[in-house]
Amino acid sequence: MTTTLIDLIRHGEPEGGQMFRGSKDDPLSEKGWQQMRAAVNRQDRWDVIVSSPMARCRHFAKELAEQQGLPLHIEDRLREIGFGEWEGLTADQVQKQYGDQLNKFWQDSVNFIPPGAEPVPAFSQRVLAGFEHWQAALSGKRVLIVCHGGVIRMVLASILGIPLETSFTGFAVPYACRSRIQIDQSAHGVFRSLISHQP
C-alpha cells in the first residue's frame, strides 16, 4: 500500500484586509507573514511544496522551500476563484451595490454567481484537476500545498461529499488554516480521508 500525506494551508492575511480577492494579486501583509510562519513548526516534515501562483501564496512557499531545501512547484490550476465584478469589494460593499445577491451566493454558489465571475462548477473542475495531478505525481510523499480558501473548500467538498451548492459555507477556512488529507492506494483502490482541519 502507498500512503500520501497532503497538507493544505491557506495563505495569511493579504495587504488590504478582508475583501473578495480572487484574481486580485495582493501580497501578504506583515500580519499575514506572521500567521504563515506561526502555522508551520520544526516538527513538520515535507518532501515537496506546491503553490498557487498568486503572490499571497507563492512568496511564502518560496521562502519555506528555500529554508527547508525542498523542491517547489507552481500550479496555475490552484488559483483562487475569480469573483468578477465583486473583485476588490468587501462583503458590505457587495451588499450595498448588489443587494440580496451575496446571500444567494452563500446559499447556492452554483446557481447564483457574481456578475462576470468564474462559475463554481468550472472552478471545482480546474482545482480538482490540479490537485489530482499532484496527488498522482507525488504519490507516497509528504506534500504541502499553499493555496486559497476556495481551493481548500473544493478539495474538501470532493473528499467529504459536500454538494457544490453549499461548498462555500460548509466549513470555515480562516487565514493560515491547515487541513491534512491522507490518500491510501492499494489493490483495493484509492481511499482519501480528511485527517485534520485546524482553523
N, C-alpha and C. Protein backbone atom coordinates (compact mmCIF):
# COMPACT_ATOMS: atom_id res chain seq x y z
N MET A 1 0.84 -1.20 0.00
CA MET A 1 0.00 0.00 0.00
C MET A 1 0.88 1.25 0.00
N THR A 2 0.46 2.26 -0.75
CA THR A 2 1.17 3.54 -0.80
C THR A 2 0.33 4.59 -0.08
N THR A 3 0.96 5.31 0.85
CA THR A 3 0.27 6.38 1.57
C THR A 3 0.88 7.73 1.21
N THR A 4 0.03 8.66 0.83
CA THR A 4 0.44 10.02 0.52
C THR A 4 -0.22 10.95 1.52
N LEU A 5 0.56 11.87 2.10
CA LEU A 5 0.00 12.87 3.02
C LEU A 5 0.09 14.23 2.36
N ILE A 6 -1.05 14.91 2.28
CA ILE A 6 -1.09 16.24 1.68
C ILE A 6 -1.64 17.23 2.70
N ASP A 7 -0.81 18.22 3.04
CA ASP A 7 -1.25 19.31 3.91
C ASP A 7 -1.61 20.50 3.03
N LEU A 8 -2.83 21.00 3.20
CA LEU A 8 -3.28 22.21 2.51
C LEU A 8 -3.22 23.36 3.52
N ILE A 9 -2.60 24.45 3.15
CA ILE A 9 -2.59 25.62 4.04
C ILE A 9 -3.06 26.84 3.26
N ARG A 10 -4.02 27.56 3.86
CA ARG A 10 -4.47 28.79 3.23
C ARG A 10 -3.47 29.91 3.52
N HIS A 11 -3.29 30.81 2.56
CA HIS A 11 -2.42 31.96 2.77
C HIS A 11 -2.88 32.78 3.98
N GLY A 12 -1.98 33.61 4.50
CA GLY A 12 -2.31 34.53 5.58
C GLY A 12 -3.01 35.77 5.06
N GLU A 13 -3.23 36.73 5.96
CA GLU A 13 -3.93 37.97 5.60
C GLU A 13 -3.15 38.75 4.53
N PRO A 14 -3.80 39.10 3.42
CA PRO A 14 -3.12 39.92 2.41
C PRO A 14 -3.23 41.41 2.75
N GLU A 15 -2.40 42.20 2.11
CA GLU A 15 -2.50 43.66 2.24
C GLU A 15 -3.87 44.10 1.73
N GLY A 16 -4.51 44.98 2.48
CA GLY A 16 -5.85 45.45 2.10
C GLY A 16 -6.95 44.79 2.90
N GLY A 17 -6.61 43.71 3.66
CA GLY A 17 -7.59 43.09 4.55
C GLY A 17 -8.66 42.28 3.82
N GLN A 18 -9.77 42.04 4.53
CA GLN A 18 -10.85 41.18 4.04
C GLN A 18 -11.58 41.82 2.86
N MET A 19 -11.66 41.10 1.77
CA MET A 19 -12.44 41.52 0.60
C MET A 19 -12.57 40.32 -0.33
N PHE A 20 -13.39 40.46 -1.37
CA PHE A 20 -13.45 39.42 -2.39
C PHE A 20 -12.20 39.56 -3.26
N ARG A 21 -11.30 38.61 -3.08
CA ARG A 21 -9.99 38.70 -3.72
C ARG A 21 -9.69 37.35 -4.38
N GLY A 22 -10.05 37.25 -5.64
CA GLY A 22 -9.75 36.03 -6.37
C GLY A 22 -8.55 36.24 -7.26
N SER A 23 -8.75 37.04 -8.33
CA SER A 23 -7.66 37.31 -9.26
C SER A 23 -6.84 38.54 -8.86
N LYS A 24 -7.30 39.28 -7.86
CA LYS A 24 -6.56 40.46 -7.37
C LYS A 24 -5.33 39.96 -6.63
N ASP A 25 -4.15 40.36 -7.11
CA ASP A 25 -2.92 39.71 -6.65
C ASP A 25 -2.18 40.50 -5.58
N ASP A 26 -2.80 40.67 -4.42
CA ASP A 26 -2.16 41.38 -3.31
C ASP A 26 -1.17 40.46 -2.60
N PRO A 27 -0.02 41.01 -2.16
CA PRO A 27 0.90 40.21 -1.35
C PRO A 27 0.42 40.09 0.09
N LEU A 28 1.09 39.27 0.87
CA LEU A 28 0.77 39.15 2.30
C LEU A 28 1.09 40.45 3.02
N SER A 29 0.27 40.78 4.01
CA SER A 29 0.58 41.88 4.92
C SER A 29 1.62 41.37 5.93
N GLU A 30 2.12 42.27 6.75
CA GLU A 30 3.06 41.85 7.80
C GLU A 30 2.40 40.83 8.73
N LYS A 31 1.14 41.10 9.06
CA LYS A 31 0.39 40.15 9.90
C LYS A 31 0.24 38.80 9.19
N GLY A 32 0.01 38.84 7.88
CA GLY A 32 -0.12 37.62 7.09
C GLY A 32 1.15 36.77 7.12
N TRP A 33 2.30 37.43 7.01
CA TRP A 33 3.58 36.71 7.13
C TRP A 33 3.71 36.06 8.51
N GLN A 34 3.33 36.81 9.54
CA GLN A 34 3.40 36.25 10.91
C GLN A 34 2.49 35.04 11.05
N GLN A 35 1.28 35.12 10.50
CA GLN A 35 0.33 33.99 10.57
C GLN A 35 0.91 32.75 9.90
N MET A 36 1.53 32.93 8.73
CA MET A 36 2.07 31.78 7.99
C MET A 36 3.27 31.17 8.70
N ARG A 37 4.15 32.02 9.20
CA ARG A 37 5.33 31.49 9.89
C ARG A 37 4.94 30.78 11.18
N ALA A 38 3.87 31.26 11.83
CA ALA A 38 3.41 30.63 13.07
C ALA A 38 2.69 29.31 12.79
N ALA A 39 2.19 29.14 11.57
CA ALA A 39 1.39 27.94 11.24
C ALA A 39 2.25 26.72 10.93
N VAL A 40 3.54 26.94 10.66
CA VAL A 40 4.43 25.80 10.43
C VAL A 40 5.41 25.70 11.61
N ASN A 41 5.87 24.51 11.88
CA ASN A 41 6.79 24.34 13.02
C ASN A 41 7.89 23.34 12.68
N ARG A 42 8.83 23.19 13.58
CA ARG A 42 10.01 22.37 13.31
C ARG A 42 9.69 20.89 13.17
N GLN A 43 8.55 20.48 13.70
CA GLN A 43 8.17 19.07 13.60
C GLN A 43 7.63 18.72 12.21
N ASP A 44 7.26 19.74 11.44
CA ASP A 44 6.71 19.48 10.10
C ASP A 44 7.77 18.88 9.19
N ARG A 45 7.39 17.82 8.48
CA ARG A 45 8.31 17.17 7.55
C ARG A 45 7.60 17.02 6.20
N TRP A 46 8.08 17.74 5.21
CA TRP A 46 7.54 17.60 3.87
C TRP A 46 8.66 17.22 2.91
N ASP A 47 8.28 16.62 1.79
CA ASP A 47 9.25 16.27 0.74
C ASP A 47 9.22 17.29 -0.39
N VAL A 48 8.10 17.99 -0.51
CA VAL A 48 7.92 18.88 -1.66
C VAL A 48 6.81 19.89 -1.33
N ILE A 49 6.89 21.07 -1.95
CA ILE A 49 5.87 22.11 -1.78
C ILE A 49 5.28 22.44 -3.15
N VAL A 50 3.95 22.57 -3.19
CA VAL A 50 3.23 23.01 -4.39
C VAL A 50 2.49 24.28 -4.00
N SER A 51 2.50 25.28 -4.89
CA SER A 51 1.87 26.56 -4.55
C SER A 51 1.04 27.11 -5.70
N SER A 52 -0.01 27.83 -5.32
CA SER A 52 -0.72 28.70 -6.26
C SER A 52 0.27 29.75 -6.75
N PRO A 53 0.09 30.26 -7.98
CA PRO A 53 1.00 31.30 -8.48
C PRO A 53 0.76 32.68 -7.87
N MET A 54 -0.34 32.87 -7.13
CA MET A 54 -0.65 34.18 -6.59
C MET A 54 0.38 34.60 -5.53
N ALA A 55 0.70 35.89 -5.50
CA ALA A 55 1.76 36.41 -4.62
C ALA A 55 1.53 36.05 -3.16
N ARG A 56 0.27 36.06 -2.71
CA ARG A 56 -0.02 35.81 -1.30
C ARG A 56 0.27 34.36 -0.89
N CYS A 57 0.45 33.49 -1.87
CA CYS A 57 0.82 32.09 -1.61
C CYS A 57 2.29 31.85 -1.98
N ARG A 58 2.65 32.29 -3.17
CA ARG A 58 3.94 31.94 -3.77
C ARG A 58 5.13 32.45 -2.96
N HIS A 59 5.04 33.67 -2.45
CA HIS A 59 6.20 34.25 -1.75
C HIS A 59 6.53 33.46 -0.48
N PHE A 60 5.50 33.08 0.27
CA PHE A 60 5.76 32.28 1.48
C PHE A 60 6.26 30.89 1.09
N ALA A 61 5.64 30.28 0.09
CA ALA A 61 6.06 28.94 -0.35
C ALA A 61 7.53 28.93 -0.76
N LYS A 62 7.94 29.99 -1.45
CA LYS A 62 9.35 30.11 -1.89
C LYS A 62 10.28 30.23 -0.69
N GLU A 63 9.91 31.08 0.28
CA GLU A 63 10.73 31.23 1.49
C GLU A 63 10.88 29.90 2.22
N LEU A 64 9.77 29.19 2.40
CA LEU A 64 9.80 27.92 3.14
C LEU A 64 10.60 26.86 2.37
N ALA A 65 10.42 26.80 1.06
CA ALA A 65 11.15 25.83 0.24
C ALA A 65 12.66 26.07 0.34
N GLU A 66 13.05 27.33 0.33
CA GLU A 66 14.48 27.67 0.43
C GLU A 66 15.02 27.32 1.82
N GLN A 67 14.24 27.62 2.85
CA GLN A 67 14.67 27.30 4.23
C GLN A 67 14.86 25.81 4.43
N GLN A 68 13.96 25.01 3.87
CA GLN A 68 13.98 23.56 4.12
C GLN A 68 14.64 22.77 3.01
N GLY A 69 15.13 23.46 1.98
CA GLY A 69 15.80 22.78 0.87
C GLY A 69 14.87 21.85 0.11
N LEU A 70 13.63 22.29 -0.13
CA LEU A 70 12.63 21.45 -0.78
C LEU A 70 12.34 21.94 -2.20
N PRO A 71 12.00 21.01 -3.10
CA PRO A 71 11.55 21.44 -4.43
C PRO A 71 10.22 22.17 -4.34
N LEU A 72 10.04 23.19 -5.18
CA LEU A 72 8.80 23.98 -5.21
C LEU A 72 8.21 23.93 -6.61
N HIS A 73 6.94 23.56 -6.71
CA HIS A 73 6.21 23.55 -7.98
C HIS A 73 5.09 24.59 -7.91
N ILE A 74 4.95 25.39 -8.95
CA ILE A 74 3.88 26.37 -9.04
C ILE A 74 2.79 25.78 -9.93
N GLU A 75 1.55 25.74 -9.42
CA GLU A 75 0.44 25.12 -10.14
C GLU A 75 -0.66 26.15 -10.39
N ASP A 76 -0.80 26.54 -11.65
CA ASP A 76 -1.76 27.58 -12.03
C ASP A 76 -3.20 27.19 -11.73
N ARG A 77 -3.51 25.88 -11.78
CA ARG A 77 -4.90 25.45 -11.56
C ARG A 77 -5.34 25.62 -10.11
N LEU A 78 -4.39 25.92 -9.20
CA LEU A 78 -4.74 26.12 -7.79
C LEU A 78 -4.93 27.60 -7.43
N ARG A 79 -5.12 28.44 -8.46
CA ARG A 79 -5.51 29.84 -8.22
C ARG A 79 -6.89 29.90 -7.57
N GLU A 80 -7.17 31.02 -6.90
CA GLU A 80 -8.50 31.23 -6.31
C GLU A 80 -9.53 31.46 -7.41
N ILE A 81 -10.79 31.28 -7.06
CA ILE A 81 -11.89 31.57 -7.99
C ILE A 81 -11.89 33.06 -8.33
N GLY A 82 -12.22 33.39 -9.57
CA GLY A 82 -12.35 34.79 -9.96
C GLY A 82 -13.75 35.29 -9.59
N PHE A 83 -13.82 36.41 -8.86
CA PHE A 83 -15.11 36.92 -8.37
C PHE A 83 -15.76 37.95 -9.28
N GLY A 84 -15.23 38.14 -10.48
CA GLY A 84 -15.87 39.05 -11.43
C GLY A 84 -15.99 40.48 -10.90
N GLU A 85 -17.21 41.03 -10.96
CA GLU A 85 -17.43 42.43 -10.54
C GLU A 85 -17.26 42.64 -9.04
N TRP A 86 -17.23 41.56 -8.27
CA TRP A 86 -17.05 41.70 -6.82
C TRP A 86 -15.58 41.81 -6.41
N GLU A 87 -14.67 41.62 -7.35
CA GLU A 87 -13.24 41.68 -7.02
C GLU A 87 -12.89 43.00 -6.34
N GLY A 88 -12.20 42.91 -5.21
CA GLY A 88 -11.74 44.10 -4.51
C GLY A 88 -12.78 44.75 -3.63
N LEU A 89 -14.00 44.19 -3.58
CA LEU A 89 -15.05 44.76 -2.73
C LEU A 89 -15.17 43.98 -1.42
N THR A 90 -15.54 44.67 -0.35
CA THR A 90 -15.83 43.99 0.91
C THR A 90 -17.25 43.43 0.83
N ALA A 91 -17.59 42.55 1.77
CA ALA A 91 -18.94 41.99 1.82
C ALA A 91 -19.98 43.10 1.97
N ASP A 92 -19.69 44.11 2.79
CA ASP A 92 -20.62 45.23 2.99
C ASP A 92 -20.84 46.00 1.69
N GLN A 93 -19.75 46.22 0.95
CA GLN A 93 -19.86 46.94 -0.33
C GLN A 93 -20.68 46.14 -1.34
N VAL A 94 -20.47 44.83 -1.36
CA VAL A 94 -21.24 43.98 -2.27
C VAL A 94 -22.72 44.05 -1.92
N GLN A 95 -23.02 43.99 -0.63
CA GLN A 95 -24.42 44.02 -0.19
C GLN A 95 -25.08 45.35 -0.58
N LYS A 96 -24.34 46.44 -0.44
CA LYS A 96 -24.89 47.76 -0.79
C LYS A 96 -25.12 47.87 -2.29
N GLN A 97 -24.18 47.35 -3.08
CA GLN A 97 -24.26 47.53 -4.54
C GLN A 97 -25.11 46.46 -5.23
N TYR A 98 -25.16 45.26 -4.66
CA TYR A 98 -25.80 44.14 -5.35
C TYR A 98 -26.95 43.51 -4.56
N GLY A 99 -27.32 44.14 -3.47
CA GLY A 99 -28.49 43.69 -2.70
C GLY A 99 -28.38 42.26 -2.22
N ASP A 100 -29.38 41.46 -2.53
CA ASP A 100 -29.51 40.11 -1.99
C ASP A 100 -28.62 39.08 -2.69
N GLN A 101 -27.88 39.51 -3.72
CA GLN A 101 -27.05 38.55 -4.48
C GLN A 101 -26.03 37.85 -3.61
N LEU A 102 -25.48 38.55 -2.62
CA LEU A 102 -24.46 37.95 -1.76
C LEU A 102 -25.05 36.79 -0.96
N ASN A 103 -26.22 37.01 -0.35
CA ASN A 103 -26.86 35.93 0.42
C ASN A 103 -27.19 34.74 -0.48
N LYS A 104 -27.64 35.02 -1.70
CA LYS A 104 -27.96 33.95 -2.64
C LYS A 104 -26.70 33.15 -3.01
N PHE A 105 -25.59 33.86 -3.17
CA PHE A 105 -24.33 33.19 -3.49
C PHE A 105 -23.92 32.24 -2.37
N TRP A 106 -24.03 32.70 -1.13
CA TRP A 106 -23.66 31.83 0.00
C TRP A 106 -24.58 30.61 0.09
N GLN A 107 -25.85 30.81 -0.21
CA GLN A 107 -26.82 29.71 -0.10
C GLN A 107 -26.73 28.71 -1.24
N ASP A 108 -26.38 29.20 -2.43
CA ASP A 108 -26.30 28.32 -3.60
C ASP A 108 -25.31 28.91 -4.59
N SER A 109 -24.02 28.59 -4.39
CA SER A 109 -22.97 29.22 -5.19
C SER A 109 -22.85 28.63 -6.59
N VAL A 110 -23.67 27.63 -6.90
CA VAL A 110 -23.68 27.09 -8.27
C VAL A 110 -24.61 27.92 -9.15
N ASN A 111 -25.79 28.23 -8.64
CA ASN A 111 -26.80 28.91 -9.45
C ASN A 111 -26.81 30.43 -9.29
N PHE A 112 -26.12 30.96 -8.28
CA PHE A 112 -26.03 32.41 -8.08
C PHE A 112 -24.57 32.82 -8.04
N ILE A 113 -24.02 33.20 -9.18
CA ILE A 113 -22.62 33.60 -9.21
C ILE A 113 -22.52 35.11 -9.40
N PRO A 114 -21.45 35.73 -8.88
CA PRO A 114 -21.28 37.18 -9.09
C PRO A 114 -21.19 37.49 -10.59
N PRO A 115 -21.63 38.68 -11.01
CA PRO A 115 -21.56 39.05 -12.43
C PRO A 115 -20.12 38.97 -12.94
N GLY A 116 -19.93 38.23 -14.02
CA GLY A 116 -18.60 38.10 -14.62
C GLY A 116 -17.67 37.15 -13.91
N ALA A 117 -18.16 36.44 -12.90
CA ALA A 117 -17.29 35.56 -12.11
C ALA A 117 -17.11 34.19 -12.79
N GLU A 118 -16.10 33.48 -12.32
CA GLU A 118 -15.87 32.10 -12.78
C GLU A 118 -16.95 31.20 -12.17
N PRO A 119 -17.66 30.43 -12.98
CA PRO A 119 -18.68 29.54 -12.41
C PRO A 119 -18.06 28.51 -11.47
N VAL A 120 -18.75 28.24 -10.36
CA VAL A 120 -18.21 27.32 -9.36
C VAL A 120 -17.95 25.91 -9.92
N PRO A 121 -18.82 25.34 -10.75
CA PRO A 121 -18.50 24.01 -11.30
C PRO A 121 -17.20 24.00 -12.11
N ALA A 122 -16.96 25.08 -12.89
CA ALA A 122 -15.72 25.17 -13.67
C ALA A 122 -14.51 25.33 -12.73
N PHE A 123 -14.69 26.14 -11.69
CA PHE A 123 -13.63 26.33 -10.69
C PHE A 123 -13.29 25.00 -10.01
N SER A 124 -14.31 24.28 -9.59
CA SER A 124 -14.10 22.99 -8.93
C SER A 124 -13.36 22.02 -9.85
N GLN A 125 -13.78 21.97 -11.10
CA GLN A 125 -13.15 21.08 -12.08
C GLN A 125 -11.67 21.42 -12.24
N ARG A 126 -11.37 22.71 -12.36
CA ARG A 126 -9.99 23.18 -12.51
C ARG A 126 -9.14 22.79 -11.31
N VAL A 127 -9.66 23.11 -10.11
CA VAL A 127 -8.92 22.83 -8.87
C VAL A 127 -8.66 21.34 -8.71
N LEU A 128 -9.70 20.53 -8.91
CA LEU A 128 -9.55 19.08 -8.70
C LEU A 128 -8.61 18.46 -9.72
N ALA A 129 -8.60 19.00 -10.95
CA ALA A 129 -7.64 18.51 -11.95
C ALA A 129 -6.20 18.78 -11.49
N GLY A 130 -5.97 19.98 -10.96
CA GLY A 130 -4.64 20.31 -10.46
C GLY A 130 -4.26 19.48 -9.25
N PHE A 131 -5.20 19.35 -8.31
CA PHE A 131 -4.94 18.58 -7.09
C PHE A 131 -4.65 17.11 -7.43
N GLU A 132 -5.47 16.54 -8.29
CA GLU A 132 -5.31 15.12 -8.61
C GLU A 132 -4.03 14.86 -9.40
N HIS A 133 -3.61 15.84 -10.21
CA HIS A 133 -2.33 15.71 -10.92
C HIS A 133 -1.18 15.54 -9.93
N TRP A 134 -1.14 16.41 -8.92
CA TRP A 134 -0.04 16.35 -7.95
C TRP A 134 -0.19 15.18 -6.99
N GLN A 135 -1.42 14.80 -6.69
CA GLN A 135 -1.65 13.60 -5.87
C GLN A 135 -1.01 12.38 -6.55
N ALA A 136 -1.18 12.28 -7.86
CA ALA A 136 -0.61 11.15 -8.60
C ALA A 136 0.90 11.30 -8.79
N ALA A 137 1.33 12.52 -9.16
CA ALA A 137 2.75 12.75 -9.45
C ALA A 137 3.63 12.60 -8.21
N LEU A 138 3.07 12.90 -7.03
CA LEU A 138 3.85 12.88 -5.78
C LEU A 138 3.39 11.75 -4.86
N SER A 139 2.88 10.70 -5.45
CA SER A 139 2.39 9.55 -4.68
C SER A 139 3.46 9.02 -3.73
N GLY A 140 3.04 8.78 -2.47
CA GLY A 140 3.96 8.25 -1.47
C GLY A 140 4.76 9.31 -0.73
N LYS A 141 4.59 10.58 -1.09
CA LYS A 141 5.36 11.66 -0.46
C LYS A 141 4.51 12.44 0.54
N ARG A 142 5.19 13.29 1.29
CA ARG A 142 4.52 14.24 2.20
C ARG A 142 4.57 15.60 1.52
N VAL A 143 3.39 16.14 1.22
CA VAL A 143 3.28 17.31 0.35
C VAL A 143 2.62 18.47 1.10
N LEU A 144 3.16 19.67 0.91
CA LEU A 144 2.49 20.88 1.40
C LEU A 144 1.98 21.65 0.20
N ILE A 145 0.69 21.99 0.20
CA ILE A 145 0.11 22.82 -0.85
C ILE A 145 -0.30 24.16 -0.22
N VAL A 146 0.28 25.25 -0.72
CA VAL A 146 -0.04 26.60 -0.25
C VAL A 146 -1.04 27.20 -1.23
N CYS A 147 -2.25 27.47 -0.74
CA CYS A 147 -3.30 27.86 -1.69
C CYS A 147 -4.33 28.79 -1.04
N HIS A 148 -5.58 28.66 -1.42
CA HIS A 148 -6.63 29.64 -1.08
C HIS A 148 -7.82 28.97 -0.40
N GLY A 149 -8.64 29.80 0.26
CA GLY A 149 -9.83 29.27 0.93
C GLY A 149 -10.76 28.54 -0.02
N GLY A 150 -11.02 29.13 -1.19
CA GLY A 150 -11.90 28.50 -2.15
C GLY A 150 -11.34 27.18 -2.67
N VAL A 151 -10.04 27.13 -2.88
CA VAL A 151 -9.38 25.90 -3.36
C VAL A 151 -9.53 24.79 -2.32
N ILE A 152 -9.27 25.13 -1.06
CA ILE A 152 -9.39 24.14 0.02
C ILE A 152 -10.84 23.65 0.11
N ARG A 153 -11.79 24.55 -0.03
CA ARG A 153 -13.20 24.15 0.02
C ARG A 153 -13.55 23.17 -1.09
N MET A 154 -13.03 23.37 -2.30
CA MET A 154 -13.32 22.47 -3.42
C MET A 154 -12.74 21.07 -3.17
N VAL A 155 -11.51 21.03 -2.66
CA VAL A 155 -10.86 19.74 -2.39
C VAL A 155 -11.60 19.00 -1.28
N LEU A 156 -11.90 19.69 -0.18
CA LEU A 156 -12.57 19.02 0.94
C LEU A 156 -14.02 18.66 0.59
N ALA A 157 -14.69 19.50 -0.20
CA ALA A 157 -16.05 19.16 -0.63
C ALA A 157 -16.04 17.85 -1.42
N SER A 158 -15.03 17.68 -2.26
CA SER A 158 -14.91 16.46 -3.05
C SER A 158 -14.68 15.25 -2.15
N ILE A 159 -13.78 15.39 -1.18
CA ILE A 159 -13.43 14.26 -0.31
C ILE A 159 -14.57 13.93 0.66
N LEU A 160 -15.26 14.97 1.16
CA LEU A 160 -16.30 14.75 2.17
C LEU A 160 -17.70 14.59 1.57
N GLY A 161 -17.81 14.74 0.25
CA GLY A 161 -19.12 14.58 -0.38
C GLY A 161 -20.07 15.73 -0.11
N ILE A 162 -19.53 16.95 0.07
CA ILE A 162 -20.36 18.13 0.29
C ILE A 162 -20.83 18.66 -1.06
N PRO A 163 -22.13 18.91 -1.25
CA PRO A 163 -22.60 19.41 -2.54
C PRO A 163 -21.95 20.75 -2.90
N LEU A 164 -21.66 20.94 -4.18
CA LEU A 164 -21.05 22.19 -4.63
C LEU A 164 -21.86 23.41 -4.23
N GLU A 165 -23.19 23.28 -4.24
CA GLU A 165 -24.07 24.41 -3.91
C GLU A 165 -23.75 25.01 -2.55
N THR A 166 -23.36 24.16 -1.59
CA THR A 166 -23.09 24.64 -0.23
C THR A 166 -21.60 24.56 0.14
N SER A 167 -20.76 24.37 -0.87
CA SER A 167 -19.32 24.16 -0.58
C SER A 167 -18.64 25.40 -0.01
N PHE A 168 -19.21 26.59 -0.25
CA PHE A 168 -18.57 27.80 0.28
C PHE A 168 -18.99 28.11 1.71
N THR A 169 -19.98 27.39 2.24
CA THR A 169 -20.44 27.67 3.60
C THR A 169 -20.38 26.43 4.50
N GLY A 170 -19.88 25.33 3.99
CA GLY A 170 -19.89 24.07 4.74
C GLY A 170 -18.96 24.04 5.93
N PHE A 171 -17.88 24.84 5.88
CA PHE A 171 -16.91 24.87 6.99
C PHE A 171 -16.06 26.12 6.86
N ALA A 172 -15.46 26.54 7.97
CA ALA A 172 -14.63 27.76 7.99
C ALA A 172 -13.21 27.44 7.53
N VAL A 173 -12.64 28.36 6.74
CA VAL A 173 -11.23 28.23 6.32
C VAL A 173 -10.56 29.58 6.54
N PRO A 174 -10.22 29.91 7.80
CA PRO A 174 -9.60 31.22 8.06
C PRO A 174 -8.16 31.28 7.53
N TYR A 175 -7.57 32.45 7.62
CA TYR A 175 -6.18 32.63 7.18
C TYR A 175 -5.26 31.64 7.91
N ALA A 176 -4.32 31.07 7.15
CA ALA A 176 -3.29 30.14 7.67
C ALA A 176 -3.88 28.85 8.25
N CYS A 177 -5.13 28.54 7.90
CA CYS A 177 -5.77 27.29 8.31
C CYS A 177 -5.08 26.11 7.63
N ARG A 178 -4.91 25.01 8.37
CA ARG A 178 -4.27 23.81 7.82
C ARG A 178 -5.23 22.63 7.80
N SER A 179 -5.23 21.89 6.70
CA SER A 179 -6.04 20.68 6.56
C SER A 179 -5.11 19.57 6.07
N ARG A 180 -5.24 18.38 6.67
CA ARG A 180 -4.41 17.24 6.25
C ARG A 180 -5.27 16.15 5.62
N ILE A 181 -4.86 15.71 4.47
CA ILE A 181 -5.54 14.64 3.75
C ILE A 181 -4.60 13.45 3.62
N GLN A 182 -5.12 12.28 3.89
CA GLN A 182 -4.34 11.06 3.71
C GLN A 182 -4.93 10.26 2.56
N ILE A 183 -4.07 9.84 1.64
CA ILE A 183 -4.50 9.05 0.49
C ILE A 183 -3.81 7.70 0.56
N ASP A 184 -4.60 6.65 0.73
CA ASP A 184 -4.08 5.27 0.76
C ASP A 184 -4.45 4.59 -0.55
N GLN A 185 -3.42 4.11 -1.23
CA GLN A 185 -3.63 3.46 -2.52
C GLN A 185 -3.19 2.00 -2.42
N SER A 186 -4.10 1.08 -2.75
CA SER A 186 -3.78 -0.34 -2.68
C SER A 186 -4.47 -1.06 -3.83
N ALA A 187 -4.35 -2.37 -3.84
CA ALA A 187 -5.01 -3.18 -4.88
C ALA A 187 -6.52 -3.01 -4.81
N HIS A 188 -7.04 -2.57 -3.67
CA HIS A 188 -8.49 -2.41 -3.49
C HIS A 188 -8.98 -1.05 -3.97
N GLY A 189 -8.07 -0.17 -4.37
CA GLY A 189 -8.48 1.15 -4.85
C GLY A 189 -7.81 2.27 -4.08
N VAL A 190 -8.37 3.46 -4.23
CA VAL A 190 -7.82 4.66 -3.58
C VAL A 190 -8.80 5.14 -2.52
N PHE A 191 -8.29 5.32 -1.29
CA PHE A 191 -9.12 5.78 -0.18
C PHE A 191 -8.57 7.11 0.30
N ARG A 192 -9.39 8.19 0.21
CA ARG A 192 -8.96 9.51 0.62
C ARG A 192 -9.76 9.95 1.83
N SER A 193 -9.06 10.45 2.86
CA SER A 193 -9.77 10.88 4.06
C SER A 193 -9.16 12.15 4.63
N LEU A 194 -10.02 12.95 5.25
CA LEU A 194 -9.58 14.16 5.95
C LEU A 194 -9.13 13.74 7.35
N ILE A 195 -7.86 13.99 7.66
CA ILE A 195 -7.29 13.59 8.96
C ILE A 195 -7.46 14.71 9.98
N SER A 196 -7.26 15.95 9.55
CA SER A 196 -7.41 17.08 10.48
C SER A 196 -7.73 18.34 9.71
N HIS A 197 -8.42 19.26 10.40
CA HIS A 197 -8.75 20.58 9.83
C HIS A 197 -8.64 21.55 10.99
N GLN A 198 -7.63 22.42 10.93
CA GLN A 198 -7.31 23.28 12.08
C GLN A 198 -7.46 24.75 11.73
N PRO A 199 -8.66 25.31 11.93
CA PRO A 199 -8.86 26.74 11.67
C PRO A 199 -8.05 27.59 12.63
